[in-house]
């Protein structure tokens, strides 16, 4: 696994390994990540094209590959949310590999119950929950209620099936890549 584009292009990320089966780490493949970033950069969903200058929220961050790819491609800041000890360890290693400590925050929180946002809302949100458990819906609902999502924010949701967004989010596009379904949503303004 590596960073696909931008200023950190080619940087190898820490290997997930076979260690903890309970961690359920399933990093987005390089191929899917490249397709996803091409889609959000050239799909006309945001102006300027995402992730340029965006404040990014990476829910169920895992290894941080999505948020770090956004940072490499011009995001202003990335906040990672995860509560798995193995994921947090790998995430910290990946942030260090990019020397991105000053441009990132790591929050050890349950993505389905993040509470109130202590900072400005985010305009690009990545969501990659464990598949098929309804966690994405719960996380987006909680993030909306907690003030984490800016009006007009672009949301990129990775699941294994078509998703049903909570109220206040409008579906814009969806694409299937093998067993991965990428859904693009925008927050109502």
C-alpha atoms as a PDB file:
ATOM      1  CA  UNK A   1       0.000   0.000   0.000  1.00  0.00           C
ATOM      2  CA  UNK A   2       1.341   3.421  -0.965  1.00  0.00           C
ATOM      3  CA  UNK A   3       0.323   7.023  -1.590  1.00  0.00           C
ATOM      4  CA  UNK A   4      -0.850   7.206  -5.217  1.00  0.00           C
ATOM      5  CA  UNK A   5      -0.610  10.927  -6.063  1.00  0.00           C
ATOM      6  CA  UNK A   6       0.464  14.372  -4.933  1.00  0.00           C
ATOM      7  CA  UNK A   7       3.505  15.525  -3.004  1.00  0.00           C
ATOM      8  CA  UNK A   8       3.953  12.189  -1.135  1.00  0.00           C
ATOM      9  CA  UNK A   9       3.397  10.051  -4.226  1.00  0.00           C
ATOM     10  CA  UNK A  10       5.074   6.657  -3.965  1.00  0.00           C
ATOM     11  CA  UNK A  11       5.517   6.757  -0.176  1.00  0.00           C
ATOM     12  CA  UNK A  12       4.927   3.273   1.211  1.00  0.00           C
ATOM     13  CA  UNK A  13       2.448   3.022   4.060  1.00  0.00           C
ATOM     14  CA  UNK A  14       2.831   0.641   7.006  1.00  0.00           C
ATOM     15  CA  UNK A  15       1.719  -2.904   6.288  1.00  0.00           C
ATOM     16  CA  UNK A  16      -1.446  -4.070   7.994  1.00  0.00           C
ATOM     17  CA  UNK A  17      -0.080  -7.554   8.568  1.00  0.00           C
ATOM     18  CA  UNK A  18      -2.071 -10.560   9.696  1.00  0.00           C
ATOM     19  CA  UNK A  19      -1.887  -9.747  13.416  1.00  0.00           C
ATOM     20  CA  UNK A  20      -5.234  -8.963  15.005  1.00  0.00           C
ATOM     21  CA  UNK A  21      -8.261 -10.480  13.214  1.00  0.00           C
ATOM     22  CA  UNK A  22     -10.585  -8.529  15.537  1.00  0.00           C
ATOM     23  CA  UNK A  23      -9.195  -5.229  14.210  1.00  0.00           C
ATOM     24  CA  UNK A  24     -11.030  -5.853  10.899  1.00  0.00           C
ATOM     25  CA  UNK A  25      -8.630  -3.610   8.991  1.00  0.00           C
ATOM     26  CA  UNK A  26      -9.498  -3.565   5.311  1.00  0.00           C
ATOM     27  CA  UNK A  27      -7.512  -0.739   3.687  1.00  0.00           C
ATOM     28  CA  UNK A  28      -8.873   0.694   0.460  1.00  0.00           C
ATOM     29  CA  UNK A  29      -6.786  -0.792  -2.348  1.00  0.00           C
ATOM     30  CA  UNK A  30      -4.452   1.439  -4.331  1.00  0.00           C
ATOM     31  CA  UNK A  31      -6.563   0.915  -7.459  1.00  0.00           C
ATOM     32  CA  UNK A  32      -9.842   1.867  -5.770  1.00  0.00           C
ATOM     33  CA  UNK A  33      -8.200   4.835  -4.024  1.00  0.00           C
ATOM     34  CA  UNK A  34      -6.823   6.118  -7.341  1.00  0.00           C
ATOM     35  CA  UNK A  35     -10.253   5.785  -9.002  1.00  0.00           C
ATOM     36  CA  UNK A  36     -11.949   7.455  -6.038  1.00  0.00           C
ATOM     37  CA  UNK A  37      -9.615  10.471  -6.081  1.00  0.00           C
ATOM     38  CA  UNK A  38      -9.963  10.837  -9.850  1.00  0.00           C
ATOM     39  CA  UNK A  39     -13.723  10.790  -9.394  1.00  0.00           C
ATOM     40  CA  UNK A  40     -13.831  13.474  -6.704  1.00  0.00           C
ATOM     41  CA  UNK A  41     -11.201  15.655  -8.383  1.00  0.00           C
ATOM     42  CA  UNK A  42     -12.817  15.595 -11.836  1.00  0.00           C
ATOM     43  CA  UNK A  43     -16.477  14.878 -11.093  1.00  0.00           C
ATOM     44  CA  UNK A  44     -17.515  18.501 -10.626  1.00  0.00           C
ATOM     45  CA  UNK A  45     -18.810  17.855  -7.097  1.00  0.00           C
ATOM     46  CA  UNK A  46     -16.821  20.655  -5.408  1.00  0.00           C
ATOM     47  CA  UNK A  47     -15.214  23.965  -6.327  1.00  0.00           C
ATOM     48  CA  UNK A  48     -12.235  23.967  -6.009  1.00  0.00           C
ATOM     49  CA  UNK A  49     -11.986  20.277  -6.865  1.00  0.00           C
ATOM     50  CA  UNK A  50     -11.641  18.079  -3.772  1.00  0.00           C
ATOM     51  CA  UNK A  51      -9.419  17.641  -1.868  1.00  0.00           C
ATOM     52  CA  UNK A  52      -7.649  20.945  -2.666  1.00  0.00           C
ATOM     53  CA  UNK A  53      -7.587  23.127   0.469  1.00  0.00           C
ATOM     54  CA  UNK A  54     -10.219  20.972   2.221  1.00  0.00           C
ATOM     55  CA  UNK A  55     -10.622  20.259   5.900  1.00  0.00           C
ATOM     56  CA  UNK A  56     -10.946  16.472   5.832  1.00  0.00           C
ATOM     57  CA  UNK A  57     -12.602  14.127   8.308  1.00  0.00           C
ATOM     58  CA  UNK A  58     -11.650  10.450   7.965  1.00  0.00           C
ATOM     59  CA  UNK A  59     -14.194   8.369   9.930  1.00  0.00           C
ATOM     60  CA  UNK A  60     -13.316   4.730  10.639  1.00  0.00           C
ATOM     61  CA  UNK A  61      -9.836   5.861   9.576  1.00  0.00           C
ATOM     62  CA  UNK A  62      -8.091   2.512   9.983  1.00  0.00           C
ATOM     63  CA  UNK A  63      -4.631   2.902   8.462  1.00  0.00           C
ATOM     64  CA  UNK A  64      -5.401   6.482   7.385  1.00  0.00           C
ATOM     65  CA  UNK A  65      -4.786   5.763   3.695  1.00  0.00           C
ATOM     66  CA  UNK A  66      -7.755   7.845   2.473  1.00  0.00           C
ATOM     67  CA  UNK A  67      -7.013  10.891   4.617  1.00  0.00           C
ATOM     68  CA  UNK A  68      -3.285  10.740   3.917  1.00  0.00           C
ATOM     69  CA  UNK A  69      -3.948  10.496   0.188  1.00  0.00           C
ATOM     70  CA  UNK A  70      -6.124  13.629   0.494  1.00  0.00           C
ATOM     71  CA  UNK A  71      -3.349  15.410   2.389  1.00  0.00           C
ATOM     72  CA  UNK A  72      -0.827  14.456  -0.280  1.00  0.00           C
ATOM     73  CA  UNK A  73      -3.178  15.886  -2.906  1.00  0.00           C
ATOM     74  CA  UNK A  74      -3.581  19.293  -1.267  1.00  0.00           C
ATOM     75  CA  UNK A  75      -5.963  19.017   1.696  1.00  0.00           C
ATOM     76  CA  UNK A  76      -5.288  21.665   4.347  1.00  0.00           C
ATOM     77  CA  UNK A  77      -5.835  19.430   7.386  1.00  0.00           C
ATOM     78  CA  UNK A  78      -7.028  15.886   8.118  1.00  0.00           C
ATOM     79  CA  UNK A  79      -8.680  14.664  11.315  1.00  0.00           C
ATOM     80  CA  UNK A  80      -8.701  10.892  11.734  1.00  0.00           C
ATOM     81  CA  UNK A  81     -11.315   9.163  13.903  1.00  0.00           C
ATOM     82  CA  UNK A  82     -10.935   5.543  14.993  1.00  0.00           C
ATOM     83  CA  UNK A  83     -10.994   3.650  18.270  1.00  0.00           C
ATOM     84  CA  UNK A  84      -9.156   0.430  17.398  1.00  0.00           C
ATOM     85  CA  UNK A  85      -5.766   0.124  19.128  1.00  0.00           C
ATOM     86  CA  UNK A  86      -4.138  -1.708  16.191  1.00  0.00           C
ATOM     87  CA  UNK A  87      -5.548   0.769  13.669  1.00  0.00           C
ATOM     88  CA  UNK A  88      -4.388   3.732  15.752  1.00  0.00           C
ATOM     89  CA  UNK A  89      -0.875   2.294  15.966  1.00  0.00           C
ATOM     90  CA  UNK A  90      -0.639   1.821  12.201  1.00  0.00           C
ATOM     91  CA  UNK A  91      -2.226   5.240  11.610  1.00  0.00           C
ATOM     92  CA  UNK A  92       0.363   6.964  13.825  1.00  0.00           C
ATOM     93  CA  UNK A  93       3.176   5.169  11.936  1.00  0.00           C
ATOM     94  CA  UNK A  94       1.721   6.322   8.595  1.00  0.00           C
ATOM     95  CA  UNK A  95       1.370   9.938   9.726  1.00  0.00           C
ATOM     96  CA  UNK A  96       5.003   9.833  10.892  1.00  0.00           C
ATOM     97  CA  UNK A  97       6.176   8.337   7.562  1.00  0.00           C
ATOM     98  CA  UNK A  98       4.746  11.395   5.814  1.00  0.00           C
ATOM     99  CA  UNK A  99       5.997  13.825   8.474  1.00  0.00           C
ATOM    100  CA  UNK A 100       2.404  15.058   8.648  1.00  0.00           C
ATOM    101  CA  UNK A 101       1.949  15.510  12.400  1.00  0.00           C
ATOM    102  CA  UNK A 102       1.371  19.283  12.078  1.00  0.00           C
ATOM    103  CA  UNK A 103      -1.316  18.818   9.389  1.00  0.00           C
ATOM    104  CA  UNK A 104      -3.257  16.037  11.095  1.00  0.00           C
ATOM    105  CA  UNK A 105      -5.175  15.213  14.262  1.00  0.00           C
ATOM    106  CA  UNK A 106      -5.909  11.713  15.517  1.00  0.00           C
ATOM    107  CA  UNK A 107      -8.967  11.273  17.723  1.00  0.00           C
ATOM    108  CA  UNK A 108      -9.565   8.031  19.575  1.00  0.00           C
ATOM    109  CA  UNK A 109     -13.358   8.059  19.334  1.00  0.00           C
ATOM    110  CA  UNK A 110     -16.150   5.727  18.317  1.00  0.00           C
ATOM    111  CA  UNK A 111     -17.102   7.067  14.853  1.00  0.00           C
ATOM    112  CA  UNK A 112     -20.761   6.285  15.575  1.00  0.00           C
ATOM    113  CA  UNK A 113     -20.667   8.476  18.714  1.00  0.00           C
ATOM    114  CA  UNK A 114     -18.111  11.248  18.177  1.00  0.00           C
ATOM    115  CA  UNK A 115     -19.984  13.813  20.306  1.00  0.00           C
ATOM    116  CA  UNK A 116     -19.883  17.540  19.561  1.00  0.00           C
ATOM    117  CA  UNK A 117     -17.206  18.795  17.179  1.00  0.00           C
ATOM    118  CA  UNK A 118     -14.757  21.080  19.014  1.00  0.00           C
ATOM    119  CA  UNK A 119     -13.551  22.764  15.799  1.00  0.00           C
ATOM    120  CA  UNK A 120     -14.841  24.093  12.470  1.00  0.00           C
ATOM    121  CA  UNK A 121     -16.931  21.608  10.453  1.00  0.00           C
ATOM    122  CA  UNK A 122     -15.333  19.544   7.689  1.00  0.00           C
ATOM    123  CA  UNK A 123     -15.938  19.960   3.969  1.00  0.00           C
ATOM    124  CA  UNK A 124     -14.668  16.539   2.816  1.00  0.00           C
ATOM    125  CA  UNK A 125     -15.604  13.417   4.755  1.00  0.00           C
ATOM    126  CA  UNK A 126     -14.362   9.886   4.111  1.00  0.00           C
ATOM    127  CA  UNK A 127     -16.338   7.052   5.607  1.00  0.00           C
ATOM    128  CA  UNK A 128     -15.087   3.464   5.410  1.00  0.00           C
ATOM    129  CA  UNK A 129     -16.935   1.464   8.094  1.00  0.00           C
ATOM    130  CA  UNK A 130     -16.902  -2.310   8.488  1.00  0.00           C
ATOM    131  CA  UNK A 131     -19.153  -3.539   5.702  1.00  0.00           C
ATOM    132  CA  UNK A 132     -22.794  -4.465   6.141  1.00  0.00           C
ATOM    133  CA  UNK A 133     -23.299  -3.486   9.782  1.00  0.00           C
ATOM    134  CA  UNK A 134     -25.182  -0.174   9.443  1.00  0.00           C
ATOM    135  CA  UNK A 135     -22.323   1.728  11.065  1.00  0.00           C
ATOM    136  CA  UNK A 136     -21.999   4.269   8.241  1.00  0.00           C
ATOM    137  CA  UNK A 137     -25.575   5.447   8.655  1.00  0.00           C
ATOM    138  CA  UNK A 138     -25.115   5.800  12.420  1.00  0.00           C
ATOM    139  CA  UNK A 139     -21.787   7.626  12.041  1.00  0.00           C
ATOM    140  CA  UNK A 140     -23.125  10.144   9.521  1.00  0.00           C
ATOM    141  CA  UNK A 141     -26.219  10.803  11.610  1.00  0.00           C
ATOM    142  CA  UNK A 142     -24.077  11.402  14.722  1.00  0.00           C
ATOM    143  CA  UNK A 143     -21.574  13.547  12.809  1.00  0.00           C
ATOM    144  CA  UNK A 144     -24.408  15.671  11.426  1.00  0.00           C
ATOM    145  CA  UNK A 145     -25.943  16.186  14.874  1.00  0.00           C
ATOM    146  CA  UNK A 146     -22.500  16.947  16.357  1.00  0.00           C
ATOM    147  CA  UNK A 147     -21.626  19.701  13.872  1.00  0.00           C
ATOM    148  CA  UNK A 148     -18.835  17.797  12.124  1.00  0.00           C
ATOM    149  CA  UNK A 149     -20.278  18.196   8.589  1.00  0.00           C
ATOM    150  CA  UNK A 150     -20.199  21.605   6.868  1.00  0.00           C
ATOM    151  CA  UNK A 151     -23.123  22.662   4.660  1.00  0.00           C
ATOM    152  CA  UNK A 152     -22.360  21.508   1.115  1.00  0.00           C
ATOM    153  CA  UNK A 153     -19.688  19.056   2.319  1.00  0.00           C
ATOM    154  CA  UNK A 154     -18.653  16.243  -0.004  1.00  0.00           C
ATOM    155  CA  UNK A 155     -18.979  12.783   1.553  1.00  0.00           C
ATOM    156  CA  UNK A 156     -17.268   9.693   0.139  1.00  0.00           C
ATOM    157  CA  UNK A 157     -18.726   6.503   1.599  1.00  0.00           C
ATOM    158  CA  UNK A 158     -17.180   3.088   0.993  1.00  0.00           C
ATOM    159  CA  UNK A 159     -19.366   0.014   1.548  1.00  0.00           C
ATOM    160  CA  UNK A 160     -20.025  -3.315  -0.147  1.00  0.00           C
ATOM    161  CA  UNK A 161     -23.568  -2.372  -1.273  1.00  0.00           C
ATOM    162  CA  UNK A 162     -25.667   0.647  -2.183  1.00  0.00           C
ATOM    163  CA  UNK A 163     -26.133   2.915   0.861  1.00  0.00           C
ATOM    164  CA  UNK A 164     -29.162   4.697   2.298  1.00  0.00           C
ATOM    165  CA  UNK A 165     -27.980   8.116   3.464  1.00  0.00           C
ATOM    166  CA  UNK A 166     -29.576   9.749   6.497  1.00  0.00           C
ATOM    167  CA  UNK A 167     -31.737  12.867   6.010  1.00  0.00           C
ATOM    168  CA  UNK A 168     -29.791  15.981   5.032  1.00  0.00           C
ATOM    169  CA  UNK A 169     -27.500  14.170   2.584  1.00  0.00           C
ATOM    170  CA  UNK A 170     -28.073  13.989  -1.159  1.00  0.00           C
ATOM    171  CA  UNK A 171     -26.698  11.086  -3.263  1.00  0.00           C
ATOM    172  CA  UNK A 172     -24.665  12.345  -6.247  1.00  0.00           C
ATOM    173  CA  UNK A 173     -22.976   9.281  -7.713  1.00  0.00           C
ATOM    174  CA  UNK A 174     -21.994   5.690  -6.982  1.00  0.00           C
ATOM    175  CA  UNK A 175     -19.483   3.348  -8.563  1.00  0.00           C
ATOM    176  CA  UNK A 176     -18.671  -0.311  -8.008  1.00  0.00           C
ATOM    177  CA  UNK A 177     -15.078  -1.542  -7.923  1.00  0.00           C
ATOM    178  CA  UNK A 178     -15.133  -5.309  -7.360  1.00  0.00           C
ATOM    179  CA  UNK A 179     -16.749  -5.849  -3.959  1.00  0.00           C
ATOM    180  CA  UNK A 180     -16.434  -2.143  -3.069  1.00  0.00           C
ATOM    181  CA  UNK A 181     -19.183   0.401  -3.673  1.00  0.00           C
ATOM    182  CA  UNK A 182     -18.146   4.062  -3.533  1.00  0.00           C
ATOM    183  CA  UNK A 183     -21.025   6.479  -2.958  1.00  0.00           C
ATOM    184  CA  UNK A 184     -20.612  10.231  -3.345  1.00  0.00           C
ATOM    185  CA  UNK A 185     -23.007  12.396  -1.325  1.00  0.00           C
ATOM    186  CA  UNK A 186     -23.305  16.085  -0.546  1.00  0.00           C
ATOM    187  CA  UNK A 187     -24.598  17.651   2.641  1.00  0.00           C
ATOM    188  CA  UNK A 188     -27.615  19.881   2.131  1.00  0.00           C
ATOM    189  CA  UNK A 189     -26.944  23.601   2.480  1.00  0.00           C
END
